[in-house]
C-alpha atoms as a PDB file:
ATOM      1  CA  MET A   1      54.370  10.476 -15.727  1.00  0.00           C
ATOM      2  CA  ALA A   2      51.479   8.319 -14.589  1.00  0.00           C
ATOM      3  CA  ALA A   3      50.938   7.232 -11.113  1.00  0.00           C
ATOM      4  CA  ALA A   4      52.284   3.365 -10.325  1.00  0.00           C
ATOM      5  CA  GLY A   5      48.046   2.448  -9.926  1.00  0.00           C
ATOM      6  CA  ASP A   6      47.312   2.561 -13.521  1.00  0.00           C
ATOM      7  CA  ALA A   7      44.088   0.546 -15.083  1.00  0.00           C
ATOM      8  CA  ASN A   8      45.914   0.418 -18.298  1.00  0.00           C
ATOM      9  CA  ALA A   9      48.940  -1.015 -16.945  1.00  0.00           C
ATOM     10  CA  LEU A  10      49.116  -3.484 -19.661  1.00  0.00           C
ATOM     11  CA  GLY A  11      48.792  -0.788 -22.451  1.00  0.00           C
ATOM     12  CA  ARG A  12      51.589   1.057 -20.944  1.00  0.00           C
ATOM     13  CA  TYR A  13      53.834  -2.051 -20.473  1.00  0.00           C
ATOM     14  CA  LEU A  14      53.323  -2.997 -24.196  1.00  0.00           C
ATOM     15  CA  ARG A  15      53.933   0.766 -25.424  1.00  0.00           C
ATOM     16  CA  ALA A  16      57.051   1.080 -23.330  1.00  0.00           C
ATOM     17  CA  ARG A  17      58.488  -2.468 -24.282  1.00  0.00           C
ATOM     18  CA  ARG A  18      57.691  -1.545 -28.315  1.00  0.00           C
ATOM     19  CA  GLU A  19      59.699   1.650 -27.862  1.00  0.00           C
ATOM     20  CA  LEU A  20      62.625  -0.406 -27.029  1.00  0.00           C
ATOM     21  CA  VAL A  21      62.798  -2.612 -29.553  1.00  0.00           C
ATOM     22  CA  ARG A  22      65.624  -1.825 -32.420  1.00  0.00           C
ATOM     23  CA  PRO A  23      63.779  -0.942 -35.698  1.00  0.00           C
ATOM     24  CA  GLU A  24      66.050  -3.360 -37.433  1.00  0.00           C
ATOM     25  CA  ASP A  25      64.191  -6.223 -35.720  1.00  0.00           C
ATOM     26  CA  ALA A  26      61.390  -5.189 -37.963  1.00  0.00           C
ATOM     27  CA  ARG A  27      60.355  -5.498 -41.568  1.00  0.00           C
ATOM     28  CA  ASP A  28      60.875  -1.657 -42.168  1.00  0.00           C
ATOM     29  CA  THR A  29      64.036   0.185 -41.623  1.00  0.00           C
ATOM     30  CA  GLY A  30      63.154   3.576 -43.189  1.00  0.00           C
ATOM     31  CA  HIS A  31      62.334   6.690 -41.603  1.00  0.00           C
ATOM     32  CA  ARG A  32      60.455   6.720 -38.711  1.00  0.00           C
ATOM     33  CA  ARG A  33      59.253   9.386 -36.178  1.00  0.00           C
ATOM     34  CA  VAL A  34      58.951   7.255 -33.071  1.00  0.00           C
ATOM     35  CA  PRO A  35      61.603   5.249 -31.284  1.00  0.00           C
ATOM     36  CA  GLY A  36      61.558   1.578 -31.484  1.00  0.00           C
ATOM     37  CA  LEU A  37      58.640  -0.414 -33.329  1.00  0.00           C
ATOM     38  CA  ARG A  38      55.384   1.036 -34.604  1.00  0.00           C
ATOM     39  CA  ARG A  39      52.244  -0.498 -33.406  1.00  0.00           C
ATOM     40  CA  GLU A  40      51.751  -2.469 -37.111  1.00  0.00           C
ATOM     41  CA  GLU A  41      55.199  -3.795 -36.955  1.00  0.00           C
ATOM     42  CA  VAL A  42      54.500  -5.453 -33.488  1.00  0.00           C
ATOM     43  CA  ALA A  43      51.212  -6.691 -34.934  1.00  0.00           C
ATOM     44  CA  PHE A  44      52.742  -8.457 -38.021  1.00  0.00           C
ATOM     45  CA  LEU A  45      55.688  -9.997 -36.083  1.00  0.00           C
ATOM     46  CA  ALA A  46      53.133 -11.243 -33.533  1.00  0.00           C
ATOM     47  CA  GLY A  47      51.229 -12.550 -36.166  1.00  0.00           C
ATOM     48  CA  ILE A  48      48.191 -10.898 -35.235  1.00  0.00           C
ATOM     49  CA  SER A  49      45.561  -8.056 -36.530  1.00  0.00           C
ATOM     50  CA  SER A  50      46.834  -4.154 -36.211  1.00  0.00           C
ATOM     51  CA  ASP A  51      43.288  -3.225 -34.750  1.00  0.00           C
ATOM     52  CA  TYR A  52      43.631  -5.951 -31.944  1.00  0.00           C
ATOM     53  CA  TYR A  53      47.066  -4.845 -31.075  1.00  0.00           C
ATOM     54  CA  ASN A  54      45.914  -1.194 -30.922  1.00  0.00           C
ATOM     55  CA  ARG A  55      43.160  -2.212 -28.544  1.00  0.00           C
ATOM     56  CA  LEU A  56      45.386  -4.131 -26.412  1.00  0.00           C
ATOM     57  CA  GLU A  57      47.746  -1.059 -25.922  1.00  0.00           C
ATOM     58  CA  GLN A  58      45.220   1.792 -25.626  1.00  0.00           C
ATOM     59  CA  GLY A  59      43.082  -0.218 -23.029  1.00  0.00           C
ATOM     60  CA  ARG A  60      40.271  -1.363 -24.864  1.00  0.00           C
ATOM     61  CA  ASP A  61      40.768  -4.866 -24.948  1.00  0.00           C
ATOM     62  CA  ARG A  62      42.432  -6.229 -21.758  1.00  0.00           C
ATOM     63  CA  ASN A  63      41.648  -9.935 -21.762  1.00  0.00           C
ATOM     64  CA  PRO A  64      43.983 -11.132 -24.494  1.00  0.00           C
ATOM     65  CA  SER A  65      44.779 -15.105 -24.740  1.00  0.00           C
ATOM     66  CA  GLU A  66      48.239 -16.350 -22.996  1.00  0.00           C
ATOM     67  CA  GLN A  67      48.924 -17.543 -26.748  1.00  0.00           C
ATOM     68  CA  VAL A  68      48.614 -13.935 -27.743  1.00  0.00           C
ATOM     69  CA  LEU A  69      50.718 -12.648 -24.961  1.00  0.00           C
ATOM     70  CA  ARG A  70      53.422 -15.088 -25.288  1.00  0.00           C
ATOM     71  CA  SER A  71      53.732 -14.111 -29.492  1.00  0.00           C
ATOM     72  CA  ILE A  72      53.692 -10.476 -28.425  1.00  0.00           C
ATOM     73  CA  ALA A  73      56.380 -11.097 -25.989  1.00  0.00           C
ATOM     74  CA  ARG A  74      58.429 -13.004 -28.792  1.00  0.00           C
ATOM     75  CA  ALA A  75      57.735  -9.730 -31.119  1.00  0.00           C
ATOM     76  CA  LEU A  76      59.045  -7.189 -28.261  1.00  0.00           C
ATOM     77  CA  ARG A  77      62.029  -9.711 -27.802  1.00  0.00           C
ATOM     78  CA  LEU A  78      61.330 -10.198 -23.869  1.00  0.00           C
ATOM     79  CA  ASP A  79      63.402 -12.593 -22.042  1.00  0.00           C
ATOM     80  CA  GLU A  80      61.720 -14.992 -19.786  1.00  0.00           C
ATOM     81  CA  GLU A  81      61.237 -12.840 -16.698  1.00  0.00           C
ATOM     82  CA  ALA A  82      59.589 -10.163 -18.518  1.00  0.00           C
ATOM     83  CA  THR A  83      57.450 -12.373 -20.159  1.00  0.00           C
ATOM     84  CA  ALA A  84      56.196 -13.568 -17.195  1.00  0.00           C
ATOM     85  CA  TYR A  85      55.684 -10.045 -15.990  1.00  0.00           C
ATOM     86  CA  LEU A  86      53.299  -9.489 -19.108  1.00  0.00           C
ATOM     87  CA  LEU A  87      51.517 -12.647 -18.436  1.00  0.00           C
ATOM     88  CA  GLU A  88      51.067 -11.334 -14.709  1.00  0.00           C
ATOM     89  CA  ILE A  89      49.316  -8.257 -15.076  1.00  0.00           C
ATOM     90  CA  ALA A  90      47.810  -9.190 -17.986  1.00  0.00           C
ATOM     91  CA  ALA A  91      45.800 -11.489 -15.940  1.00  0.00           C
ATOM     92  CA  PRO A  92      42.167 -10.669 -14.751  1.00  0.00           C
ATOM     93  CA  ARG A  93      41.820  -9.844 -11.526  1.00  0.00           C
ATOM     94  CA  SER A  94      38.815 -10.109  -9.120  1.00  0.00           C
ATOM     95  CA  PRO A  95      37.766  -6.448  -7.786  1.00  0.00           C
ATOM     96  CA  ARG A  96      38.896  -6.866  -3.664  1.00  0.00           C
ATOM     97  CA  ARG A  97      39.175  -4.848  -0.785  1.00  0.00           C
ATOM     98  CA  ARG A  98      42.687  -4.193   0.368  1.00  0.00           C
ATOM     99  CA  ARG A  99      43.388  -4.537   3.767  1.00  0.00           C
ATOM    100  CA  PRO A 100      45.867  -2.265   5.827  1.00  0.00           C
ATOM    101  CA  ARG A 101      49.316  -3.291   5.283  1.00  0.00           C
ATOM    102  CA  LYS A 102      50.718  -5.026   8.430  1.00  0.00           C
ATOM    103  CA  PRO A 103      54.504  -3.808   9.531  1.00  0.00           C
ATOM    104  CA  GLU A 104      56.960  -6.278   8.255  1.00  0.00           C
ATOM    105  CA  LYS A 105      58.780  -7.818  11.124  1.00  0.00           C
ATOM    106  CA  VAL A 106      62.129  -9.698  10.869  1.00  0.00           C
ATOM    107  CA  GLY A 107      62.056 -13.450  13.055  1.00  0.00           C
ATOM    108  CA  GLU A 108      64.186 -13.415  15.577  1.00  0.00           C
ATOM    109  CA  GLY A 109      66.355 -16.131  14.013  1.00  0.00           C
ATOM    110  CA  ILE A 110      67.518 -14.182  11.209  1.00  0.00           C
ATOM    111  CA  ARG A 111      68.442 -11.564  13.192  1.00  0.00           C
ATOM    112  CA  THR A 112      70.729 -13.844  15.559  1.00  0.00           C
ATOM    113  CA  LEU A 113      72.039 -15.398  12.458  1.00  0.00           C
ATOM    114  CA  ILE A 114      73.145 -12.073  10.887  1.00  0.00           C
ATOM    115  CA  ASP A 115      74.176 -10.953  14.226  1.00  0.00           C
ATOM    116  CA  SER A 116      76.974 -13.671  14.344  1.00  0.00           C
ATOM    117  CA  TRP A 117      78.491 -12.734  11.321  1.00  0.00           C
ATOM    118  CA  PRO A 118      80.915 -10.394  12.346  1.00  0.00           C
ATOM    119  CA  LEU A 119      82.989 -10.051   8.634  1.00  0.00           C
ATOM    120  CA  THR A 120      79.814 -10.349   6.446  1.00  0.00           C
ATOM    121  CA  PRO A 121      77.658  -7.032   6.172  1.00  0.00           C
ATOM    122  CA  ALA A 122      73.889  -8.265   5.946  1.00  0.00           C
ATOM    123  CA  TYR A 123      70.548  -6.756   6.202  1.00  0.00           C
ATOM    124  CA  VAL A 124      67.070  -8.098   5.265  1.00  0.00           C
ATOM    125  CA  HIS A 125      64.545  -5.729   3.211  1.00  0.00           C
ATOM    126  CA  GLY A 126      60.594  -5.936   2.923  1.00  0.00           C
ATOM    127  CA  THR A 127      58.684  -5.917  -0.419  1.00  0.00           C
ATOM    128  CA  TYR A 128      59.289  -2.497  -1.121  1.00  0.00           C
ATOM    129  CA  LEU A 129      63.042  -2.468  -0.164  1.00  0.00           C
ATOM    130  CA  ASP A 130      62.278  -1.067   3.328  1.00  0.00           C
ATOM    131  CA  VAL A 131      65.031  -2.190   5.729  1.00  0.00           C
ATOM    132  CA  LEU A 132      64.001  -4.077   8.428  1.00  0.00           C
ATOM    133  CA  ALA A 133      67.356  -5.779  10.208  1.00  0.00           C
ATOM    134  CA  ALA A 134      70.927  -5.228   9.880  1.00  0.00           C
ATOM    135  CA  ASN A 135      74.201  -6.062  11.087  1.00  0.00           C
ATOM    136  CA  ARG A 136      76.824  -3.952  12.630  1.00  0.00           C
ATOM    137  CA  LEU A 137      79.069  -4.161   9.557  1.00  0.00           C
ATOM    138  CA  ALA A 138      76.011  -3.501   7.105  1.00  0.00           C
ATOM    139  CA  VAL A 139      75.608  -0.085   8.954  1.00  0.00           C
ATOM    140  CA  ALA A 140      79.079   0.341   8.930  1.00  0.00           C
ATOM    141  CA  LEU A 141      79.617  -0.141   5.304  1.00  0.00           C
ATOM    142  CA  SER A 142      76.691   2.323   4.714  1.00  0.00           C
ATOM    143  CA  PRO A 143      73.930   4.149   7.307  1.00  0.00           C
ATOM    144  CA  PHE A 144      71.656   3.816   4.895  1.00  0.00           C
ATOM    145  CA  ASN A 145      71.619   0.194   5.399  1.00  0.00           C
ATOM    146  CA  ALA A 146      70.360   0.801   8.841  1.00  0.00           C
ATOM    147  CA  PRO A 147      66.708  -0.214   9.671  1.00  0.00           C
ATOM    148  CA  GLY A 148      63.991   2.324   9.303  1.00  0.00           C
ATOM    149  CA  ASN A 149      65.794   3.663   5.532  1.00  0.00           C
ATOM    150  CA  ASN A 150      64.553   2.568   2.120  1.00  0.00           C
ATOM    151  CA  GLY A 151      66.999   1.173  -0.147  1.00  0.00           C
ATOM    152  CA  ILE A 152      65.732   2.621  -3.475  1.00  0.00           C
ATOM    153  CA  LEU A 153      64.594   5.975  -2.046  1.00  0.00           C
ATOM    154  CA  ALA A 154      68.072   6.368  -0.417  1.00  0.00           C
ATOM    155  CA  ALA A 155      70.099   5.330  -3.777  1.00  0.00           C
ATOM    156  CA  PHE A 156      68.716   8.096  -5.866  1.00  0.00           C
ATOM    157  CA  LEU A 157      68.050  10.625  -3.260  1.00  0.00           C
ATOM    158  CA  GLU A 158      70.945  10.841  -1.093  1.00  0.00           C
ATOM    159  CA  PRO A 159      74.231  12.370  -2.230  1.00  0.00           C
ATOM    160  CA  GLU A 160      76.243  10.187   0.047  1.00  0.00           C
ATOM    161  CA  MET A 161      74.787   7.002  -1.957  1.00  0.00           C
ATOM    162  CA  ARG A 162      76.226   8.591  -4.978  1.00  0.00           C
ATOM    163  CA  GLU A 163      79.565   9.253  -3.341  1.00  0.00           C
ATOM    164  CA  LEU A 164      79.841   5.562  -1.831  1.00  0.00           C
ATOM    165  CA  HIS A 165      78.742   3.500  -4.939  1.00  0.00           C
ATOM    166  CA  GLN A 166      81.755   3.972  -7.545  1.00  0.00           C
ATOM    167  CA  ASP A 167      78.869   2.132 -10.221  1.00  0.00           C
ATOM    168  CA  TRP A 168      76.106   4.272  -8.946  1.00  0.00           C
ATOM    169  CA  GLU A 169      74.808   4.375 -12.612  1.00  0.00           C
ATOM    170  CA  ASP A 170      75.013   0.893 -13.093  1.00  0.00           C
ATOM    171  CA  MET A 171      73.761   0.240  -9.371  1.00  0.00           C
ATOM    172  CA  THR A 172      70.490   2.538 -10.371  1.00  0.00           C
ATOM    173  CA  ALA A 173      70.032   0.752 -13.512  1.00  0.00           C
ATOM    174  CA  ARG A 174      69.920  -2.724 -11.521  1.00  0.00           C
ATOM    175  CA  LEU A 175      67.575  -1.492  -8.831  1.00  0.00           C
ATOM    176  CA  VAL A 176      64.599  -0.508 -10.447  1.00  0.00           C
ATOM    177  CA  PRO A 177      64.038  -3.644 -12.467  1.00  0.00           C
ATOM    178  CA  TYR A 178      64.481  -5.227  -9.247  1.00  0.00           C
ATOM    179  CA  LEU A 179      61.983  -3.512  -7.576  1.00  0.00           C
ATOM    180  CA  ARG A 180      59.836  -4.518 -10.470  1.00  0.00           C
ATOM    181  CA  SER A 181      60.105  -7.856 -10.150  1.00  0.00           C
ATOM    182  CA  VAL A 182      59.794  -8.331  -6.313  1.00  0.00           C
ATOM    183  CA  VAL A 183      56.739  -5.818  -6.385  1.00  0.00           C
ATOM    184  CA  GLY A 184      55.192  -7.915  -9.488  1.00  0.00           C
ATOM    185  CA  ALA A 185      51.607  -6.635 -10.499  1.00  0.00           C
ATOM    186  CA  ASP A 186      50.594  -5.472  -7.267  1.00  0.00           C
ATOM    187  CA  ILE A 187      51.318  -1.666  -8.739  1.00  0.00           C
ATOM    188  CA  GLU A 188      48.579  -0.186  -7.076  1.00  0.00           C
ATOM    189  CA  ASP A 189      49.766  -0.684  -3.382  1.00  0.00           C
ATOM    190  CA  PRO A 190      49.794   2.387  -1.505  1.00  0.00           C
ATOM    191  CA  ARG A 191      53.214   1.950  -0.269  1.00  0.00           C
ATOM    192  CA  LEU A 192      54.678   1.602  -3.915  1.00  0.00           C
ATOM    193  CA  VAL A 193      52.453   4.430  -5.135  1.00  0.00           C
ATOM    194  CA  GLU A 194      54.310   6.251  -2.144  1.00  0.00           C
ATOM    195  CA  ILE A 195      57.867   5.510  -3.231  1.00  0.00           C
ATOM    196  CA  VAL A 196      57.239   6.132  -6.990  1.00  0.00           C
ATOM    197  CA  GLY A 197      55.472   9.211  -6.576  1.00  0.00           C
ATOM    198  CA  GLU A 198      58.393  10.789  -4.595  1.00  0.00           C
ATOM    199  CA  LEU A 199      60.963   9.274  -6.845  1.00  0.00           C
ATOM    200  CA  SER A 200      59.077  10.674  -9.918  1.00  0.00           C
ATOM    201  CA  VAL A 201      58.867  14.139  -8.402  1.00  0.00           C
ATOM    202  CA  ARG A 202      62.595  14.329  -7.106  1.00  0.00           C
ATOM    203  CA  SER A 203      64.586  12.250  -9.493  1.00  0.00           C
ATOM    204  CA  GLU A 204      64.913  13.004 -13.350  1.00  0.00           C
ATOM    205  CA  ARG A 205      67.185   9.576 -13.545  1.00  0.00           C
ATOM    206  CA  PHE A 206      64.268   7.191 -11.722  1.00  0.00           C
ATOM    207  CA  ARG A 207      61.953   8.679 -14.073  1.00  0.00           C
ATOM    208  CA  THR A 208      63.653   7.377 -16.790  1.00  0.00           C
ATOM    209  CA  LEU A 209      64.594   4.025 -15.623  1.00  0.00           C
ATOM    210  CA  TRP A 210      61.038   3.264 -14.239  1.00  0.00           C
ATOM    211  CA  ALA A 211      59.152   4.507 -17.847  1.00  0.00           C
ATOM    212  CA  ARG A 212      61.225   1.817 -19.339  1.00  0.00           C
ATOM    213  CA  GLN A 213      59.375  -0.951 -17.055  1.00  0.00           C
ATOM    214  CA  ASP A 214      62.401  -3.064 -17.224  1.00  0.00           C
ATOM    215  CA  VAL A 215      61.752  -6.340 -15.044  1.00  0.00           C
ATOM    216  CA  LYS A 216      65.139  -8.126 -13.675  1.00  0.00           C
ATOM    217  CA  HIS A 217      65.284 -10.116 -10.530  1.00  0.00           C
ATOM    218  CA  LYS A 218      69.222  -9.901 -10.570  1.00  0.00           C
ATOM    219  CA  THR A 219      70.298 -11.965  -6.978  1.00  0.00           C
ATOM    220  CA  THR A 220      74.189 -11.639  -7.570  1.00  0.00           C
ATOM    221  CA  GLY A 221      76.767  -9.377  -8.485  1.00  0.00           C
ATOM    222  CA  ILE A 222      79.702  -7.033  -7.318  1.00  0.00           C
ATOM    223  CA  SER A 223      79.536  -3.921  -5.931  1.00  0.00           C
ATOM    224  CA  LEU A 224      82.232  -1.364  -6.408  1.00  0.00           C
ATOM    225  CA  LEU A 225      82.279   1.185  -3.308  1.00  0.00           C
ATOM    226  CA  ARG A 226      84.467   4.037  -2.375  1.00  0.00           C
ATOM    227  CA  HIS A 227      84.134   3.853   1.547  1.00  0.00           C
ATOM    228  CA  PRO A 228      84.781   7.146   3.421  1.00  0.00           C
ATOM    229  CA  GLN A 229      86.965   5.108   5.992  1.00  0.00           C
ATOM    230  CA  VAL A 230      88.689   2.417   4.393  1.00  0.00           C
ATOM    231  CA  GLY A 231      88.648   3.328   0.846  1.00  0.00           C
ATOM    232  CA  PRO A 232      87.754   1.104  -2.114  1.00  0.00           C
ATOM    233  CA  LEU A 233      85.983  -1.995  -1.560  1.00  0.00           C
ATOM    234  CA  GLU A 234      84.911  -4.768  -4.354  1.00  0.00           C
ATOM    235  CA  LEU A 235      82.099  -6.700  -2.645  1.00  0.00           C
ATOM    236  CA  HIS A 236      80.212  -9.463  -4.058  1.00  0.00           C
ATOM    237  CA  TYR A 237      76.346  -9.538  -3.332  1.00  0.00           C
ATOM    238  CA  GLU A 238      73.632 -12.127  -2.713  1.00  0.00           C
ATOM    239  CA  LYS A 239      70.238 -11.838  -2.376  1.00  0.00           C
ATOM    240  CA  LEU A 240      68.268 -14.672  -0.865  1.00  0.00           C
ATOM    241  CA  LEU A 241      64.181 -14.536  -0.759  1.00  0.00           C
ATOM    242  CA  LEU A 242      63.287 -15.803   2.819  1.00  0.00           C
ATOM    243  CA  PRO A 243      60.332 -18.310   2.780  1.00  0.00           C
ATOM    244  CA  GLY A 244      57.695 -17.957   4.297  1.00  0.00           C
ATOM    245  CA  THR A 245      57.976 -14.157   4.787  1.00  0.00           C
ATOM    246  CA  GLY A 246      55.883 -12.498   2.390  1.00  0.00           C
ATOM    247  CA  GLY A 247      58.845 -11.147   0.424  1.00  0.00           C
ATOM    248  CA  GLN A 248      61.583 -10.604   2.621  1.00  0.00           C
ATOM    249  CA  THR A 249      65.098 -10.980   1.223  1.00  0.00           C
ATOM    250  CA  LEU A 250      68.338 -11.132   2.734  1.00  0.00           C
ATOM    251  CA  ILE A 251      71.152  -9.087   1.348  1.00  0.00           C
ATOM    252  CA  THR A 252      74.864 -10.039   2.063  1.00  0.00           C
ATOM    253  CA  TYR A 253      78.204  -9.122   1.169  1.00  0.00           C
ATOM    254  CA  HIS A 254      81.742 -10.532   1.024  1.00  0.00           C
ATOM    255  CA  ALA A 255      84.942  -9.949  -0.433  1.00  0.00           C
ATOM    256  CA  GLN A 256      87.286 -12.101  -1.994  1.00  0.00           C
ATOM    257  CA  PRO A 257      89.423 -14.210   0.177  1.00  0.00           C
ATOM    258  CA  GLY A 258      92.917 -12.736   0.246  1.00  0.00           C
ATOM    259  CA  SER A 259      91.962  -9.742  -1.546  1.00  0.00           C
ATOM    260  CA  THR A 260      92.984  -6.440  -0.623  1.00  0.00           C
ATOM    261  CA  SER A 261      89.183  -5.489  -0.355  1.00  0.00           C
ATOM    262  CA  GLU A 262      89.055  -8.153   2.502  1.00  0.00           C
ATOM    263  CA  GLU A 263      91.579  -6.774   4.157  1.00  0.00           C
ATOM    264  CA  ARG A 264      89.928  -3.379   4.375  1.00  0.00           C
ATOM    265  CA  LEU A 265      86.598  -5.095   5.249  1.00  0.00           C
ATOM    266  CA  ARG A 266      88.304  -6.299   8.259  1.00  0.00           C
ATOM    267  CA  LEU A 267      89.359  -3.131   9.190  1.00  0.00           C
ATOM    268  CA  LEU A 268      86.227  -1.632   8.858  1.00  0.00           C
ATOM    269  CA  ALA A 269      84.774  -4.634  11.074  1.00  0.00           C
ATOM    270  CA  SER A 270      87.638  -4.015  13.808  1.00  0.00           C
ATOM    271  CA  MET A 271      86.667  -0.231  13.661  1.00  0.00           C
ATOM    272  CA  ASN A 272      83.224  -1.018  14.443  1.00  0.00           C
ATOM    273  CA  ALA A 273      83.368  -3.746  17.004  1.00  0.00           C
ATOM    274  CA  PRO A 274      81.006  -3.338  20.065  1.00  0.00           C
ATOM    275  CA  ASP A 275      84.203  -2.410  22.496  1.00  0.00           C
ATOM    276  CA  GLN A 276      84.936   0.804  20.228  1.00  0.00           C
ATOM    277  CA  GLN A 277      82.735   3.478  21.901  1.00  0.00           C
ATOM    278  CA  VAL A 278      81.377   6.819  20.688  1.00  0.00           C
ATOM    279  CA  GLY A 279      80.921   8.844  23.405  1.00  0.00           C
ATOM    280  CA  GLY A 280      80.283   5.858  25.726  1.00  0.00           C
ATOM    281  CA  THR A 281      77.513   4.394  23.714  1.00  0.00           C
ATOM    282  CA  PRO A 282      78.435   0.999  21.735  1.00  0.00           C
ATOM    283  CA  ALA A 283      78.524   1.018  17.900  1.00  0.00           C
ATOM    284  CA  THR A 284      75.171  -1.195  17.057  1.00  0.00           C
ATOM    285  CA  ALA A 285      72.650  -0.766  14.223  1.00  0.00           C
ATOM    286  CA  ASP A 286      70.523   1.213  16.386  1.00  0.00           C
ATOM    287  CA  HIS A 287      73.215   3.255  17.159  1.00  0.00           C
ATOM    288  CA  PRO A 288      75.588   3.217  13.958  1.00  0.00           C
ATOM    289  CA  ARG A 289      79.140   4.590  14.546  1.00  0.00           C
ATOM    290  CA  ALA A 290      79.169   6.526  10.743  1.00  0.00           C
ATOM    291  CA  PRO A 291      78.193  10.040  10.714  1.00  0.00           C
ATOM    292  CA  GLY A 292      74.309  10.818  11.063  1.00  0.00           C
ATOM    293  CA  HIS A 293      72.408  10.949   8.230  1.00  0.00           C
ATOM    294  CA  PRO A 294      68.837  12.030   8.106  1.00  0.00           C
ATOM    295  CA  THR A 295      66.245   8.606   7.359  1.00  0.00           C
ATOM    296  CA  THR A 296      64.890   8.156   4.544  1.00  0.00           C
ATOM    297  CA  ARG A 297      61.440   7.326   4.327  1.00  0.00           C
END
């Protein structure tokens, strides 16, 4: 698999999406040796010449007009988010000197806010899904929600995450398009290259999902968990972008009022309350009660 930084990002994106379009959406449904549409079929559907489309996909022409890109997006059946991503990666960029990345920090107001929610697991992640802050109940829900971990590395590489998430297949299928949506066209950032490189080497499932180049900023949904202390949980999650933070996102979980999951969440909160001690040390986000796990970079 190619590294995240790619001089022909546009061409790779076009090819990945072309291979995912159903052949029956094209004019020719006969025998074919490749998945998805042929290049000439995309060109026909987009109303451009086959030679021009070939140049775009091969990286020999990197300055298509917005009109051409939108025509190609329609031919590839891209939704609004995927079309916006296509326009972003195709936009010309001036060479710039990349400055060292500053450490991401969460404001004290947000920390105080999430710590005041005793029955709402909540944490904050940065642009590349590094966990920056978490309240007590979020860490009790999963030790990988603790600051210092990375959400996508943990999801694919830690066996405990697969045991925790009953919907692990669906969860990971949502997570990769979400990462692309928050990163956008800045695919050459060293932190992203590091994450994608490690996952590409160690996880076949990640390689498959990343190669699809799906983009989806899903901000609400349901997580199905099997917690080792309290059992099955059905929790609704919300992802809220924090304005003025350069990409930090607040993640919260809640159970349906009156549900069994709410009862179990209350039990988990009581088991991890500040007055509950482990060897004389309060269970906090820095010292979670959950069994120790290696910190994911």
